[in-house]
N, C-alpha and C. Protein backbone atom coordinates (compact mmCIF):
# COMPACT_ATOMS: atom_id res chain seq x y z
N UNK A 1 0.63 -1.11 0.12
CA UNK A 1 -0.23 -0.20 0.22
C UNK A 1 0.66 1.46 0.12
N UNK A 2 0.68 1.77 -0.42
CA UNK A 2 1.14 3.51 -0.60
C UNK A 2 1.71 4.35 0.86
N UNK A 3 2.17 4.82 0.91
CA UNK A 3 2.97 5.69 2.76
C UNK A 3 2.29 6.59 3.11
N UNK A 4 1.20 7.29 1.61
CA UNK A 4 -0.10 7.67 1.94
C UNK A 4 -0.65 7.64 2.70
N UNK A 5 -1.31 7.94 3.80
CA UNK A 5 -2.87 8.15 4.30
C UNK A 5 -3.51 9.12 3.82
N UNK A 6 -4.54 8.21 3.74
CA UNK A 6 -5.55 9.50 3.70
C UNK A 6 -6.65 9.30 4.98
N UNK A 7 -7.52 10.21 4.95
CA UNK A 7 -8.23 10.52 6.89
C UNK A 7 -9.11 11.78 5.42
N UNK A 8 -10.26 11.44 6.94
CA UNK A 8 -11.30 12.31 6.58
C UNK A 8 -11.91 12.71 7.04
N UNK A 9 -13.14 14.39 7.51
CA UNK A 9 -13.02 14.66 8.51
C UNK A 9 -14.41 14.87 8.86
N UNK A 10 -14.86 15.82 10.00
CA UNK A 10 -15.40 15.66 11.14
C UNK A 10 -17.39 15.44 10.86
N UNK A 11 -17.39 16.38 9.23
CA UNK A 11 -18.19 16.79 8.55
C UNK A 11 -18.14 14.70 7.29
N UNK A 12 -17.81 15.07 7.27
CA UNK A 12 -18.19 13.65 6.40
C UNK A 12 -19.08 13.09 6.68
N UNK A 13 -18.13 12.95 8.44
CA UNK A 13 -18.18 11.46 9.21
C UNK A 13 -19.60 11.29 9.97
N UNK A 14 -20.52 13.06 10.12
CA UNK A 14 -21.96 13.07 9.96
C UNK A 14 -22.22 12.37 9.08
N UNK A 15 -22.30 13.14 7.79
CA UNK A 15 -22.89 13.07 6.71
C UNK A 15 -23.49 11.36 6.89
N UNK A 16 -21.84 10.77 6.90
CA UNK A 16 -22.42 9.27 6.86
C UNK A 16 -23.73 8.83 7.52
N UNK A 17 -23.07 9.63 8.94
CA UNK A 17 -23.91 9.15 10.24
C UNK A 17 -25.09 9.27 9.38
N UNK A 18 -25.67 10.62 9.16
CA UNK A 18 -26.77 10.61 9.00
C UNK A 18 -27.75 9.96 7.81
N UNK A 19 -26.52 9.49 6.78
CA UNK A 19 -27.34 8.43 6.13
C UNK A 19 -27.83 7.49 6.87
N UNK A 20 -26.98 7.11 7.34
CA UNK A 20 -27.30 5.77 8.53
C UNK A 20 -28.67 5.90 8.06
N UNK A 21 -28.65 6.54 9.68
CA UNK A 21 -29.70 7.00 9.64
C UNK A 21 -31.16 6.27 9.20
N UNK A 22 -31.09 7.56 8.61
CA UNK A 22 -32.06 7.67 7.53
C UNK A 22 -31.94 6.12 6.22
N UNK A 23 -31.70 5.51 6.70
CA UNK A 23 -31.78 4.83 5.61
C UNK A 23 -31.71 3.28 6.26
N UNK A 24 -31.68 3.28 7.51
CA UNK A 24 -32.00 2.12 8.82
C UNK A 24 -32.61 2.23 10.27
N UNK A 25 -33.29 4.31 10.00
CA UNK A 25 -33.49 4.11 11.11
C UNK A 25 -32.96 4.34 12.57
N UNK A 26 -33.29 5.30 13.38
CA UNK A 26 -33.35 5.46 14.74
C UNK A 26 -33.13 6.68 14.55
N UNK A 27 -32.13 7.34 15.82
CA UNK A 27 -32.80 8.89 16.46
C UNK A 27 -31.33 9.57 16.16
N UNK A 28 -31.85 10.97 15.21
CA UNK A 28 -30.82 11.46 14.56
C UNK A 28 -29.87 12.36 15.56
N UNK A 29 -28.70 12.68 14.73
CA UNK A 29 -28.22 14.10 16.24
C UNK A 29 -26.75 13.24 16.46
N UNK A 30 -26.26 14.41 17.24
CA UNK A 30 -25.27 14.28 17.41
C UNK A 30 -24.82 14.34 19.76
N UNK A 31 -24.43 13.71 20.28
CA UNK A 31 -23.96 13.26 21.53
C UNK A 31 -22.75 13.88 22.04
N UNK A 32 -21.99 13.57 21.15
CA UNK A 32 -20.73 13.96 22.05
C UNK A 32 -19.37 14.14 21.06
N UNK A 33 -20.26 14.81 19.50
CA UNK A 33 -19.38 14.89 18.38
C UNK A 33 -17.21 15.21 18.90
N UNK A 34 -17.17 16.50 20.02
CA UNK A 34 -16.05 16.21 19.34
C UNK A 34 -15.47 15.29 20.25
N UNK A 35 -15.54 14.18 21.10
CA UNK A 35 -14.57 13.35 21.68
C UNK A 35 -14.56 12.41 19.74
N UNK A 36 -15.52 12.50 18.94
CA UNK A 36 -14.89 11.38 17.61
C UNK A 36 -14.30 12.47 16.57
N UNK A 37 -14.49 13.67 17.01
CA UNK A 37 -13.86 15.28 16.36
C UNK A 37 -11.98 15.06 16.53
N UNK A 38 -11.97 14.92 17.81
CA UNK A 38 -10.32 14.16 18.50
C UNK A 38 -10.34 13.34 17.78
N UNK A 39 -11.05 12.29 18.02
CA UNK A 39 -10.25 11.26 17.04
C UNK A 39 -9.78 11.10 15.90
N UNK A 40 -10.46 11.75 15.78
CA UNK A 40 -10.29 11.53 13.84
C UNK A 40 -9.02 12.63 13.42
N UNK A 41 -8.40 13.06 14.56
CA UNK A 41 -7.47 13.92 13.87
C UNK A 41 -6.21 13.71 15.57
N UNK A 42 -6.33 13.16 16.13
CA UNK A 42 -5.28 12.06 16.50
C UNK A 42 -4.88 11.24 15.92
N UNK A 43 -5.85 10.25 15.25
CA UNK A 43 -5.11 8.96 14.20
C UNK A 43 -4.13 9.38 13.08
N UNK A 44 -3.51 11.36 12.76
CA UNK A 44 -3.06 11.22 12.25
C UNK A 44 -1.78 11.78 12.48
N UNK A 45 -1.38 10.82 13.73
CA UNK A 45 0.00 10.91 14.89
C UNK A 45 0.38 10.31 14.45
N UNK A 46 0.93 9.32 12.85
CA UNK A 46 2.27 8.52 13.32
C UNK A 46 2.46 8.00 14.41
N UNK A 47 3.14 9.14 15.25
CA UNK A 47 3.35 8.83 16.86
C UNK A 47 3.18 7.77 17.39
N UNK A 48 2.07 8.59 18.03
CA UNK A 48 0.56 7.38 18.64
C UNK A 48 0.07 6.77 17.43
N UNK A 49 -0.16 6.20 16.51
CA UNK A 49 -1.17 5.40 15.74
C UNK A 49 0.24 5.21 14.31
N UNK A 50 0.66 4.40 14.56
CA UNK A 50 2.01 4.45 13.14
C UNK A 50 1.49 3.52 12.06
N UNK A 51 0.50 2.66 12.26
CA UNK A 51 -0.18 1.08 11.40
C UNK A 51 -1.22 2.10 11.10
N UNK A 52 -1.80 1.92 9.55
CA UNK A 52 -3.22 1.37 9.52
C UNK A 52 -3.77 0.58 10.18
N UNK A 53 -3.51 -0.33 10.40
CA UNK A 53 -4.33 -1.53 11.89
C UNK A 53 -4.88 -0.43 13.11
N UNK A 54 -3.38 0.61 13.69
CA UNK A 54 -3.83 0.84 14.58
C UNK A 54 -4.89 2.55 14.37
N UNK A 55 -4.62 2.58 13.34
CA UNK A 55 -5.49 4.46 13.23
C UNK A 55 -6.65 4.45 12.97
N UNK A 56 -6.88 2.49 12.17
CA UNK A 56 -8.69 1.21 12.11
C UNK A 56 -9.00 1.70 13.34
N UNK A 57 -8.51 0.85 14.19
CA UNK A 57 -8.67 0.57 15.38
C UNK A 57 -9.34 1.51 16.12
N UNK A 58 -8.13 2.94 16.69
CA UNK A 58 -9.15 4.03 17.24
C UNK A 58 -10.32 4.82 16.37
N UNK A 59 -9.78 4.63 15.53
CA UNK A 59 -11.65 5.71 14.68
C UNK A 59 -12.51 4.73 14.96
N UNK A 60 -13.04 3.13 15.50
CA UNK A 60 -13.90 2.26 15.14
C UNK A 60 -14.65 1.85 16.37
N UNK A 61 -13.03 2.28 17.51
CA UNK A 61 -13.14 2.60 18.72
C UNK A 61 -14.25 4.10 19.26
N UNK A 62 -13.17 5.49 18.79
CA UNK A 62 -13.96 6.22 19.41
C UNK A 62 -15.62 6.14 18.33
N UNK A 63 -15.92 5.76 17.86
CA UNK A 63 -17.19 6.09 17.24
C UNK A 63 -17.92 4.85 18.21
N UNK A 64 -17.68 4.52 17.84
CA UNK A 64 -18.62 2.81 18.80
C UNK A 64 -18.56 3.32 20.87
N UNK A 65 -17.43 3.42 20.94
CA UNK A 65 -17.32 3.89 22.44
C UNK A 65 -18.00 4.74 22.75
N UNK A 66 -17.36 5.74 22.52
CA UNK A 66 -17.36 7.57 23.28
C UNK A 66 -18.64 7.87 23.08
N UNK A 67 -19.97 7.10 21.75
CA UNK A 67 -20.93 7.21 21.53
C UNK A 67 -21.47 8.91 21.27
N UNK A 68 -20.45 9.24 19.67
CA UNK A 68 -20.54 11.15 19.61
C UNK A 68 -21.67 11.47 19.05
N UNK A 69 -22.64 10.03 18.42
CA UNK A 69 -23.90 10.19 18.28
C UNK A 69 -25.68 9.94 19.07
N UNK A 70 -26.87 9.94 19.11
CA UNK A 70 -27.41 9.35 19.55
C UNK A 70 -27.79 8.69 19.63
N UNK A 71 -27.40 7.62 18.18
CA UNK A 71 -27.99 6.27 17.56
C UNK A 71 -26.77 6.09 16.78
N UNK A 72 -26.80 4.47 16.49
CA UNK A 72 -25.72 4.15 14.90
C UNK A 72 -23.99 4.40 15.45
N UNK A 73 -24.13 4.18 16.21
CA UNK A 73 -22.68 4.48 17.09
C UNK A 73 -21.60 2.88 15.72
N UNK A 74 -22.92 2.11 16.06
CA UNK A 74 -22.50 0.67 16.50
C UNK A 74 -22.33 0.55 15.30
N UNK A 75 -23.47 0.95 13.81
CA UNK A 75 -23.82 1.08 12.30
C UNK A 75 -22.70 2.00 11.43
N UNK A 76 -22.03 2.95 12.76
CA UNK A 76 -21.83 4.62 11.69
C UNK A 76 -19.84 3.39 12.11
N UNK A 77 -19.90 3.10 13.02
CA UNK A 77 -17.93 2.86 13.70
C UNK A 77 -17.82 1.36 12.18
N UNK A 78 -19.06 0.21 11.95
CA UNK A 78 -18.66 0.07 10.98
C UNK A 78 -18.49 0.40 8.67
N UNK A 79 -18.86 1.37 9.45
CA UNK A 79 -19.27 1.82 7.41
C UNK A 79 -18.10 2.78 7.58
N UNK A 80 -17.85 3.74 8.87
CA UNK A 80 -16.55 4.40 8.93
C UNK A 80 -15.57 4.08 8.18
N UNK A 81 -15.61 2.99 9.18
CA UNK A 81 -14.06 1.88 9.02
C UNK A 81 -13.79 1.50 7.57
N UNK A 82 -14.95 0.90 6.76
CA UNK A 82 -14.53 0.53 5.99
C UNK A 82 -14.31 2.20 4.93
N UNK A 83 -14.68 2.84 5.34
CA UNK A 83 -14.50 3.86 4.10
C UNK A 83 -12.91 4.47 4.86
N UNK A 84 -12.57 4.19 5.74
CA UNK A 84 -11.03 4.57 5.53
C UNK A 84 -10.79 3.11 5.21
N UNK A 85 -10.80 2.04 4.55
CA UNK A 85 -9.95 1.13 4.26
C UNK A 85 -9.77 2.00 3.02
N UNK A 86 -11.30 2.22 2.78
CA UNK A 86 -12.02 2.62 1.14
C UNK A 86 -10.09 3.49 0.08
N UNK A 87 -10.60 4.03 0.98
CA UNK A 87 -9.81 5.46 0.68
C UNK A 87 -7.81 5.53 0.79
N UNK A 88 -8.26 4.63 1.64
CA UNK A 88 -6.47 4.14 1.84
C UNK A 88 -6.21 3.36 1.00
N UNK A 89 -6.53 2.49 0.28
CA UNK A 89 -6.69 1.67 -1.19
C UNK A 89 -6.09 0.06 -0.94
N UNK A 90 -7.41 -0.13 0.28
CA UNK A 90 -7.61 -1.35 0.58
C UNK A 90 -8.67 -2.18 0.47
N UNK A 91 -9.19 -1.77 -0.56
CA UNK A 91 -10.47 -2.76 -1.63
C UNK A 91 -10.39 -3.63 -0.93
N UNK A 92 -9.80 -4.30 -1.24
CA UNK A 92 -9.53 -6.24 -1.45
C UNK A 92 -10.60 -6.69 0.04
N UNK A 93 -9.75 -6.00 1.12
CA UNK A 93 -10.51 -6.22 2.02
C UNK A 93 -11.21 -5.70 3.01
N UNK A 94 -12.33 -5.16 1.61
CA UNK A 94 -14.06 -4.20 2.91
C UNK A 94 -14.63 -5.62 2.69
N UNK A 95 -14.69 -6.32 2.03
CA UNK A 95 -16.14 -7.39 2.16
C UNK A 95 -15.74 -8.40 3.60
N UNK A 96 -14.69 -8.71 3.65
CA UNK A 96 -14.38 -9.45 4.84
C UNK A 96 -14.20 -9.12 5.90
N UNK A 97 -13.26 -7.12 5.66
CA UNK A 97 -13.92 -6.31 7.32
C UNK A 97 -15.85 -6.43 8.03
N UNK A 98 -16.64 -5.92 6.61
CA UNK A 98 -18.01 -5.94 6.86
C UNK A 98 -18.75 -7.14 7.80
N UNK A 99 -18.48 -8.48 6.88
CA UNK A 99 -18.44 -9.98 6.71
C UNK A 99 -17.91 -9.97 8.85
N UNK A 100 -16.68 -9.58 9.24
CA UNK A 100 -15.95 -10.26 10.09
C UNK A 100 -16.46 -9.02 11.43
N UNK A 101 -16.70 -8.19 11.01
CA UNK A 101 -16.47 -6.65 11.71
C UNK A 101 -17.63 -6.93 12.17
N UNK A 102 -19.03 -7.22 11.74
CA UNK A 102 -20.37 -6.80 11.75
C UNK A 102 -20.89 -7.49 13.20
N UNK A 103 -20.63 -8.65 13.59
CA UNK A 103 -20.51 -9.01 15.34
C UNK A 103 -19.26 -8.27 16.31
N UNK A 104 -18.48 -7.69 15.37
CA UNK A 104 -17.64 -7.88 16.08
C UNK A 104 -17.30 -6.26 17.52
N UNK A 105 -17.80 -4.83 15.83
CA UNK A 105 -18.95 -3.70 16.78
C UNK A 105 -20.30 -4.03 18.37
N UNK A 106 -20.26 -4.84 18.02
CA UNK A 106 -21.54 -5.29 18.97
C UNK A 106 -20.66 -5.60 20.32
N UNK A 107 -19.92 -6.34 20.27
CA UNK A 107 -19.15 -7.08 21.00
C UNK A 107 -18.37 -6.47 21.97
N UNK A 108 -18.24 -5.33 20.63
CA UNK A 108 -17.39 -3.88 21.18
C UNK A 108 -17.36 -3.37 22.09
N UNK A 109 -19.03 -3.08 21.82
CA UNK A 109 -20.36 -2.50 22.41
C UNK A 109 -20.17 -2.78 23.14
N UNK A 110 -20.74 -4.26 23.42
CA UNK A 110 -20.84 -5.23 25.13
C UNK A 110 -19.84 -4.43 25.92
N UNK A 111 -18.34 -4.56 25.33
CA UNK A 111 -16.62 -4.80 25.81
C UNK A 111 -16.59 -5.92 26.69
N UNK A 112 -16.72 -7.50 25.60
CA UNK A 112 -16.20 -8.36 25.36
C UNK A 112 -15.18 -8.33 24.12
N UNK A 113 -15.14 -7.37 23.65
CA UNK A 113 -14.07 -7.11 22.95
C UNK A 113 -13.14 -5.98 23.52
N UNK A 114 -11.74 -6.10 24.15
CA UNK A 114 -11.23 -4.60 24.65
C UNK A 114 -10.15 -4.29 23.50
N UNK A 115 -9.62 -3.19 23.02
CA UNK A 115 -8.42 -2.62 21.77
C UNK A 115 -7.56 -3.76 21.71
N UNK A 116 -6.88 -4.54 22.58
CA UNK A 116 -5.67 -5.10 22.56
C UNK A 116 -6.45 -5.81 20.75
N UNK A 117 -7.42 -7.35 22.13
CA UNK A 117 -7.66 -7.99 20.48
C UNK A 117 -8.88 -7.72 19.52
N UNK A 118 -9.04 -6.30 19.48
CA UNK A 118 -9.66 -5.19 18.75
C UNK A 118 -8.23 -5.69 17.49
N UNK A 119 -7.36 -4.88 17.58
CA UNK A 119 -6.63 -4.68 16.93
C UNK A 119 -5.80 -6.36 16.43
N UNK A 120 -5.98 -6.52 17.19
CA UNK A 120 -4.87 -8.66 16.51
C UNK A 120 -6.58 -9.10 15.27
N UNK A 121 -8.09 -8.78 15.47
CA UNK A 121 -8.99 -8.46 14.65
C UNK A 121 -8.50 -8.04 13.25
N UNK A 122 -8.22 -6.77 13.45
CA UNK A 122 -7.64 -5.61 12.45
C UNK A 122 -6.42 -6.29 11.50
N UNK A 123 -5.81 -6.77 12.48
CA UNK A 123 -4.80 -7.10 11.95
C UNK A 123 -4.60 -8.57 10.29
N UNK A 124 -5.41 -9.71 10.82
CA UNK A 124 -5.81 -10.19 10.38
C UNK A 124 -6.94 -10.82 9.40
N UNK A 125 -7.98 -9.63 9.60
CA UNK A 125 -8.49 -9.16 8.81
C UNK A 125 -7.23 -8.17 7.39
N UNK A 126 -6.89 -6.97 7.71
CA UNK A 126 -6.12 -6.66 6.68
C UNK A 126 -4.86 -7.46 6.31
N UNK A 127 -4.51 -8.52 6.77
CA UNK A 127 -3.54 -9.27 5.81
C UNK A 127 -3.96 -10.93 6.22
N UNK A 128 -4.19 -11.10 6.26
CA UNK A 128 -4.70 -12.85 5.86
C UNK A 128 -5.87 -12.25 5.17
N UNK A 129 -6.27 -13.55 4.33
CA UNK A 129 -6.92 -14.60 3.61
C UNK A 129 -8.23 -14.91 4.51
N UNK A 130 -8.08 -14.83 6.11
CA UNK A 130 -9.56 -15.49 6.74
C UNK A 130 -8.66 -15.26 8.49
N UNK A 131 -9.07 -15.05 9.00
CA UNK A 131 -8.84 -14.81 10.69
C UNK A 131 -8.28 -15.88 10.81
N UNK A 132 -6.80 -15.93 11.84
CA UNK A 132 -6.39 -16.78 12.13
C UNK A 132 -7.14 -17.29 13.19
N UNK A 133 -7.19 -19.01 13.64
CA UNK A 133 -7.59 -20.28 14.15
C UNK A 133 -7.18 -19.33 15.62
N UNK A 134 -5.82 -19.07 16.45
CA UNK A 134 -5.72 -18.62 17.35
C UNK A 134 -6.46 -17.20 17.59
N UNK A 135 -6.32 -16.82 16.47
CA UNK A 135 -8.13 -14.86 16.65
C UNK A 135 -9.36 -15.50 17.15
N UNK A 136 -9.04 -16.34 16.48
CA UNK A 136 -11.12 -17.13 16.30
C UNK A 136 -11.04 -17.80 17.86
N UNK A 137 -10.24 -18.52 18.66
CA UNK A 137 -10.21 -18.72 19.77
C UNK A 137 -9.78 -17.72 20.51
N UNK A 138 -10.17 -16.41 20.41
CA UNK A 138 -9.28 -15.50 20.82
C UNK A 138 -10.59 -15.11 20.83
N UNK A 139 -11.68 -14.55 20.50
CA UNK A 139 -12.71 -13.72 19.54
C UNK A 139 -13.99 -15.23 21.45
N UNK A 140 -13.55 -16.42 20.99
CA UNK A 140 -14.65 -17.33 20.73
C UNK A 140 -14.55 -17.05 22.68
N UNK A 141 -13.72 -17.50 23.35
CA UNK A 141 -13.22 -17.08 24.97
C UNK A 141 -13.45 -15.94 24.96
N UNK A 142 -13.61 -14.36 24.76
CA UNK A 142 -13.94 -13.39 24.86
C UNK A 142 -15.15 -12.92 25.12
N UNK A 143 -16.02 -13.82 24.14
CA UNK A 143 -17.39 -13.46 23.51
C UNK A 143 -18.03 -14.22 24.41
N UNK A 144 -18.04 -15.62 24.94
CA UNK A 144 -18.15 -16.89 25.52
C UNK A 144 -17.60 -16.31 27.08
N UNK A 145 -16.41 -15.22 27.92
CA UNK A 145 -15.48 -15.50 28.50
C UNK A 145 -15.92 -16.18 29.19
N UNK A 146 -14.39 -17.24 28.90
CA UNK A 146 -13.67 -18.29 29.23
C UNK A 146 -12.82 -18.26 29.65
N UNK A 147 -11.76 -18.23 30.36
CA UNK A 147 -10.86 -18.17 30.92
C UNK A 147 -10.18 -19.44 31.00
């Protein structure tokens, strides 16, 4: 992939969220939008987020867990994550991303998936044809709270 990473702004994030709500239903409006705006700015700092996977992880967490919108935060985290991959030339894994992340964003919101496991999942989605058996087992253990 190119070493140049492309980003989107808060205006685009709000437009995408509003489109999602219009298409799938839910409560319109913003709640803690400044938290998402801050995250969109912070992921641009390579010192803190040196890889595309780490930038993507923080973006997903910011939308999913910080609740910048009144409703649709899980849906928006999924779609904005896919868009971030698309604008950065990772088209080859977007279908896989959408397939695997649909449940992951729910479990992330429920607190079953932590940021370390989320990063591992994203690395696997981007760099492998299928989630590794090790990653699958960690997901099962996290979701079913098996220790």
